[in-house]
Every structure is written in C-alpha cells, then in structure tokens.
Protein backbone atom coordinates (compact mmCIF):
# COMPACT_ATOMS: atom_id res chain seq x y z
CA MET A 1 6.16 149.72 142.50
CA VAL A 2 9.16 147.99 144.04
CA ARG A 3 9.07 144.44 145.43
CA TRP A 4 11.53 142.18 147.16
CA MET A 5 11.59 139.30 149.60
CA ALA A 6 12.28 140.37 153.19
CA ASP A 7 15.63 139.30 154.59
CA GLU A 8 15.83 137.10 157.69
CA GLU A 9 15.97 140.04 160.12
CA LEU A 10 12.94 141.80 158.63
CA SER A 11 11.02 138.51 158.41
CA MET A 12 11.65 137.94 162.12
CA LEU A 13 10.43 141.45 162.95
CA LEU A 14 7.30 140.96 160.84
CA ARG A 15 6.49 137.61 162.46
CA ARG A 16 6.75 139.26 165.87
CA TYR A 17 4.72 142.30 164.73
CA TYR A 18 1.91 140.22 163.23
CA GLY A 19 2.06 137.97 166.31
CA GLY A 20 0.91 140.95 168.36
CA GLU A 21 4.17 142.32 169.75
CA GLY A 22 3.93 146.08 170.09
CA GLY A 23 6.48 148.79 169.44
CA LEU A 24 8.02 147.24 166.33
CA TRP A 25 6.57 149.40 163.54
CA THR A 26 9.25 152.10 163.87
CA VAL A 27 12.04 149.50 163.62
CA ILE A 28 10.33 147.89 160.60
CA ARG A 29 9.97 151.28 158.87
CA GLU A 30 13.63 152.10 159.54
CA HIS A 31 14.67 148.75 158.05
CA ILE A 32 12.61 149.46 154.90
CA ALA A 33 13.88 153.07 154.66
CA ALA A 34 17.49 151.86 154.81
CA GLU A 35 16.87 149.40 151.98
CA LEU A 36 15.15 152.05 149.86
CA LYS A 37 18.03 154.44 150.47
CA ARG A 38 20.51 151.76 149.34
CA CYS A 39 18.46 151.49 146.14
CA GLY A 40 18.43 155.27 145.66
CA ILE A 41 14.68 155.56 146.22
CA GLU A 42 13.47 158.58 148.17
CA GLY A 43 10.15 160.19 149.01
CA VAL A 44 7.00 159.11 150.76
CA ARG A 45 6.09 155.48 150.17
CA HIS A 46 3.21 153.17 150.99
CA ILE A 47 4.54 149.97 152.56
CA ARG A 48 2.74 146.64 152.34
CA PHE A 49 3.74 143.09 153.16
CA ARG A 50 2.44 139.86 151.67
CA ARG A 51 2.94 136.59 153.53
CA ARG A 52 4.51 133.89 151.38
CA ASP A 53 5.35 130.27 152.17
CA ASP A 54 9.03 131.23 152.35
CA GLY A 55 8.70 134.56 154.23
CA TYR A 56 7.33 138.01 153.48
CA GLU A 57 7.28 139.97 150.26
CA VAL A 58 7.85 143.70 150.72
CA ILE A 59 5.74 145.84 148.37
CA ILE A 60 6.54 149.54 148.09
CA GLU A 61 4.33 151.96 146.18
CA ASP A 62 4.49 155.69 145.65
CA ALA A 63 2.25 157.34 148.27
CA SER A 64 1.51 160.54 146.36
CA GLY A 65 -2.12 159.45 145.84
CA TYR A 66 -2.75 158.70 149.51
CA GLU A 67 -4.19 161.23 151.90
CA THR A 68 -3.85 161.14 155.67
CA GLU A 69 -6.97 161.14 157.79
CA VAL A 70 -7.47 164.03 160.16
C-alpha cells in the first residue's frame, strides 16, 4: 500500500469530482498514474481517497485480488 497527501491540483480535481462535476475521473487517474510512474510503481492499482481536514489522502493498493464485474 502506498499513501500520500494529494497536491493542490489533485485536491481541486477531487473537490470538483465529489461535488458532482462529471468527466473528471480520467484526468484524476492520469494524475495518479503520473505520480506512480515517478515513484517507479507499475501495474494495476486500486485507487481510493480519504477526505482529511487539510485535503485528500491518496491510498493506492495492489489490485491483483480484485475482479471486474461482467
């Protein structure tokens, strides 16, 4: 598991996303993927966010145990 506090740009995107603005998930995923790449982390990941008083915590877990629904 990898965790970090979202930067200002990602926090803004998440506020808009959770506020109901559509079409942002792809941009959010790209932001997360770029950060993971900078850290040398590859592969399928499960992305979660936890709201904190000072922003959003990004929580990344290995997705090998998750199955997609058909």
